Protein backbone atom coordinates (compact mmCIF):
# COMPACT_ATOMS: atom_id res chain seq x y z
CA MET A 1 0.00 0.00 0.00
CA THR A 2 1.44 3.38 -0.97
CA MET A 3 1.22 6.49 1.15
CA ASN A 4 -1.35 7.97 -1.23
CA ASP A 5 -3.54 4.85 -0.96
CA TRP A 6 -3.33 5.01 2.81
CA ALA A 7 -4.21 8.72 2.84
CA ARG A 8 -7.21 8.12 0.57
CA GLN A 9 -8.53 5.45 2.94
CA VAL A 10 -7.97 7.48 6.09
CA PHE A 11 -9.35 10.74 4.75
CA ASP A 12 -12.18 9.37 2.60
CA PRO A 13 -15.36 10.65 4.30
CA GLN A 14 -17.39 7.75 2.89
CA ARG A 15 -15.27 5.27 4.85
CA TRP A 16 -15.65 7.10 8.16
CA THR A 17 -17.78 5.52 10.82
CA SER A 18 -20.16 7.59 12.89
CA ALA A 19 -17.68 7.37 15.78
CA ARG A 20 -14.95 8.91 13.62
CA ARG A 21 -17.28 11.69 12.50
CA SER A 22 -18.36 12.53 16.06
CA ALA A 23 -14.72 12.70 17.19
CA LEU A 24 -13.76 15.29 14.55
CA PRO A 25 -14.67 18.41 16.57
CA ALA A 26 -12.61 17.17 19.54
CA VAL A 27 -9.64 16.32 17.30
CA PHE A 28 -9.75 19.75 15.65
CA ALA A 29 -10.06 21.52 19.03
CA ALA A 30 -7.11 19.57 20.48
CA THR A 31 -4.99 20.26 17.39
CA PHE A 32 -5.83 23.98 17.57
CA ALA A 33 -5.00 24.12 21.30
CA LEU A 34 -1.64 22.40 20.73
CA ALA A 35 -0.83 24.80 17.91
CA LEU A 36 -1.53 27.81 20.13
CA THR A 37 0.63 26.54 22.99
CA ALA A 38 3.48 25.97 20.56
CA CYS A 39 3.44 29.70 19.82
CA GLY A 40 4.62 30.60 23.31
CA PRO A 41 2.96 32.56 26.08
CA GLY A 42 -0.19 33.76 24.40
CA VAL A 43 -1.61 33.65 20.92
CA GLY A 44 1.02 34.55 18.36
CA GLY A 45 3.80 34.58 20.94
CA THR A 46 7.45 34.24 20.09
CA GLY A 47 8.03 31.29 22.38
CA THR A 48 10.74 33.19 24.22
CA GLY A 49 8.65 34.00 27.29
CA ASP A 50 7.41 37.29 28.66
CA THR A 51 8.79 40.57 27.35
CA PRO A 52 11.24 42.02 29.89
CA SER A 53 10.39 45.30 31.60
CA ALA A 54 11.37 48.24 29.41
CA LEU A 55 12.71 49.97 32.52
CA THR A 56 15.21 47.11 32.86
CA THR A 57 15.97 47.15 29.13
CA PHE A 58 16.93 50.84 29.27
CA GLY A 59 18.56 50.71 32.72
CA ALA A 60 15.91 53.07 34.10
CA ALA A 61 14.40 53.28 37.57
CA SER A 62 10.66 53.48 38.13
CA THR A 63 9.54 56.81 39.54
CA SER A 64 6.31 58.76 39.95
CA VAL A 65 4.99 60.66 36.97
CA CYS A 66 3.71 63.25 39.48
CA GLY A 67 7.18 64.79 39.60
CA SER A 68 7.01 65.52 35.84
CA ASP A 69 5.41 67.95 33.39
CA LEU A 70 2.38 65.66 33.36
CA ALA A 71 1.59 66.26 37.06
CA PRO A 72 -0.90 69.12 36.50
CA LEU A 73 -2.92 66.91 34.17
CA LEU A 74 -3.10 63.79 36.33
CA SER A 75 -4.83 62.89 39.56
CA CYS A 76 -1.67 63.62 41.56
CA PRO A 77 -1.84 64.26 45.31
CA ALA A 78 -2.26 67.92 46.26
CA GLY A 79 0.63 70.02 47.53
CA GLY A 80 3.23 69.11 44.92
CA SER A 81 3.79 65.59 46.26
CA THR A 82 5.63 63.25 43.93
CA ALA A 83 3.66 60.24 45.17
CA ALA A 84 2.00 58.29 42.39
CA PRO A 85 -1.59 59.13 41.41
CA ALA A 86 -4.13 57.49 43.70
CA PRO A 87 -5.01 53.91 42.74
CA GLY A 88 -8.13 53.88 40.63
CA ALA A 89 -7.75 57.54 39.67
CA ALA A 90 -9.51 58.36 36.41
CA PRO A 91 -7.28 58.04 33.34
CA VAL A 92 -6.38 61.18 31.41
CA HIS A 93 -7.04 61.15 27.65
CA LEU A 94 -4.95 63.19 25.21
CA ALA A 95 -5.26 63.81 21.47
CA ASP A 96 -3.21 65.68 18.89
CA THR A 97 -6.22 67.75 17.80
CA ILE A 98 -9.78 68.07 18.97
CA ASP A 99 -11.08 67.37 15.44
CA GLY A 100 -9.68 64.59 13.26
CA ARG A 101 -7.64 62.97 16.04
CA ARG A 102 -4.83 60.99 14.47
CA VAL A 103 -2.83 60.30 17.64
CA LEU A 104 -4.42 59.37 20.96
CA ALA A 105 -2.91 58.65 24.36
CA THR A 106 -4.27 57.55 27.72
CA ALA A 107 -2.22 58.20 30.85
CA ASN A 108 -3.22 56.14 33.85
CA GLY A 109 -1.11 56.24 37.00
CA ASN A 110 2.54 55.91 35.97
CA SER A 111 1.68 54.26 32.65
CA ILE A 112 0.69 55.48 29.21
CA GLU A 113 -0.70 53.95 26.05
CA LEU A 114 -0.32 55.82 22.76
CA GLN A 115 -2.07 54.96 19.49
CA ALA A 116 -1.01 56.39 16.14
CA PRO A 117 -2.76 54.16 13.57
CA CYS A 118 -1.81 56.34 10.59
CA ALA A 119 1.85 55.86 11.50
CA ARG A 120 1.11 52.18 12.30
CA LEU A 121 2.41 52.62 15.82
CA GLN A 122 1.20 51.67 19.24
CA PHE A 123 3.24 52.29 22.40
CA ARG A 124 2.78 51.20 26.00
CA GLY A 125 5.17 52.37 28.69
CA GLU A 126 5.90 53.21 32.30
CA TRP A 127 7.37 56.44 33.70
CA GLY A 128 10.97 56.23 34.83
CA VAL A 129 14.35 57.94 34.86
CA VAL A 130 17.88 57.16 33.77
CA ALA A 131 20.59 58.96 35.73
CA GLY A 132 21.45 62.32 34.15
CA GLN A 133 18.39 62.37 31.85
CA ALA A 134 14.90 63.81 32.06
CA GLY A 135 12.11 61.39 32.97
CA ARG A 136 10.18 59.68 30.21
CA PHE A 137 8.01 56.68 29.49
CA PHE A 138 9.97 53.50 28.81
CA GLY A 139 8.09 50.82 26.93
CA TYR A 140 7.53 48.99 23.69
CA THR A 141 6.03 49.71 20.30
CA ASP A 142 4.32 46.91 18.43
CA PRO A 143 5.40 47.19 14.79
CA ASP A 144 4.21 44.14 12.85
CA GLY A 145 3.23 42.41 16.09
CA ALA A 146 6.78 42.31 17.50
CA ALA A 147 7.64 44.23 20.68
CA ALA A 148 10.41 46.78 20.06
CA PRO A 149 11.92 48.86 22.93
CA ALA A 150 11.11 52.58 22.72
CA THR A 151 10.86 55.74 24.82
CA LEU A 152 8.29 58.52 24.89
CA GLN A 153 9.53 61.97 25.92
CA VAL A 154 6.94 64.43 27.18
CA GLN A 155 7.51 68.19 27.57
CA ALA A 156 5.09 70.94 28.56
CA VAL A 157 4.56 73.45 25.72
CA GLY A 158 1.94 76.20 25.69
CA GLY A 159 -1.41 74.67 26.58
CA GLY A 160 -0.40 71.08 25.88
CA LEU A 161 2.28 68.45 25.99
CA GLN A 162 4.80 67.70 23.27
CA PHE A 163 5.31 63.98 22.66
CA THR A 164 8.32 62.46 20.87
CA LEU A 165 8.51 58.68 20.42
CA ARG A 166 11.96 57.19 19.76
CA ASN A 167 13.25 53.67 19.23
CA ALA A 168 16.08 52.15 21.31
CA ALA A 169 18.71 53.66 18.97
CA GLY A 170 17.27 57.16 19.53
CA ASP A 171 15.72 57.48 16.06
CA THR A 172 12.45 59.44 16.01
CA LEU A 173 9.44 57.25 15.25
CA LEU A 174 6.75 59.90 15.85
CA GLY A 175 6.75 63.59 16.67
CA PRO A 176 7.36 65.93 18.05
CA ILE A 177 3.60 66.28 18.25
CA VAL A 178 1.55 68.47 20.61
CA MET A 179 -1.19 66.69 22.54
CA THR A 180 -3.97 68.28 24.59
CA VAL A 181 -6.35 66.85 27.17
CA VAL A 182 -9.70 65.68 25.82
CA THR A 183 -12.76 64.54 27.75
CA THR A 184 -12.99 61.01 26.31
CA ALA A 185 -10.66 58.51 24.70
CA GLY A 186 -12.55 58.61 21.41
CA THR A 187 -11.33 56.87 18.29
CA PRO A 188 -8.60 57.94 15.89
CA GLY A 189 -9.70 59.93 12.85
CA GLY A 190 -9.00 58.94 9.25
CA CYS A 191 -5.58 59.08 7.60
CA ASN A 192 -4.94 61.44 4.69
């Protein structure tokens, strides 16, 4: 019997018994589950384990964002304290413009998430400092589904905050762009 003959017998639906047919959903589910676990920790994972903390990657120390230019915008303790925003404090939403938002960010505690779909960028990071440098968010972008180390600098300018996103080599990925506080997270506007 050749391999092709064997395959025809095994996979010929007319030769399947009712027991074989009823087992198909379980076989497919088990195969799918095994395939997902082979990908690593989570669907589509790299198999290398969890992504290390960006603070560690950049040699930065975690610190409170309330000692930064963002403090007036966040739920920081009164009196100029540099303690972190109160747990459960409402997140602060920022956008590059009130109309046609192309870049959105949400600051929550010492963390931030930035979305720039037109630039095909998403960034998540945590506030920290490296000795001799201004504080910034240290995190990862997700280009093409792969986590890439990056930093987000934030500076107060006029009535808003200027954001500049850079990769680990210091190359600018986005910005500088001025963001202002908006009432809701909203959704990004269309790309031109």
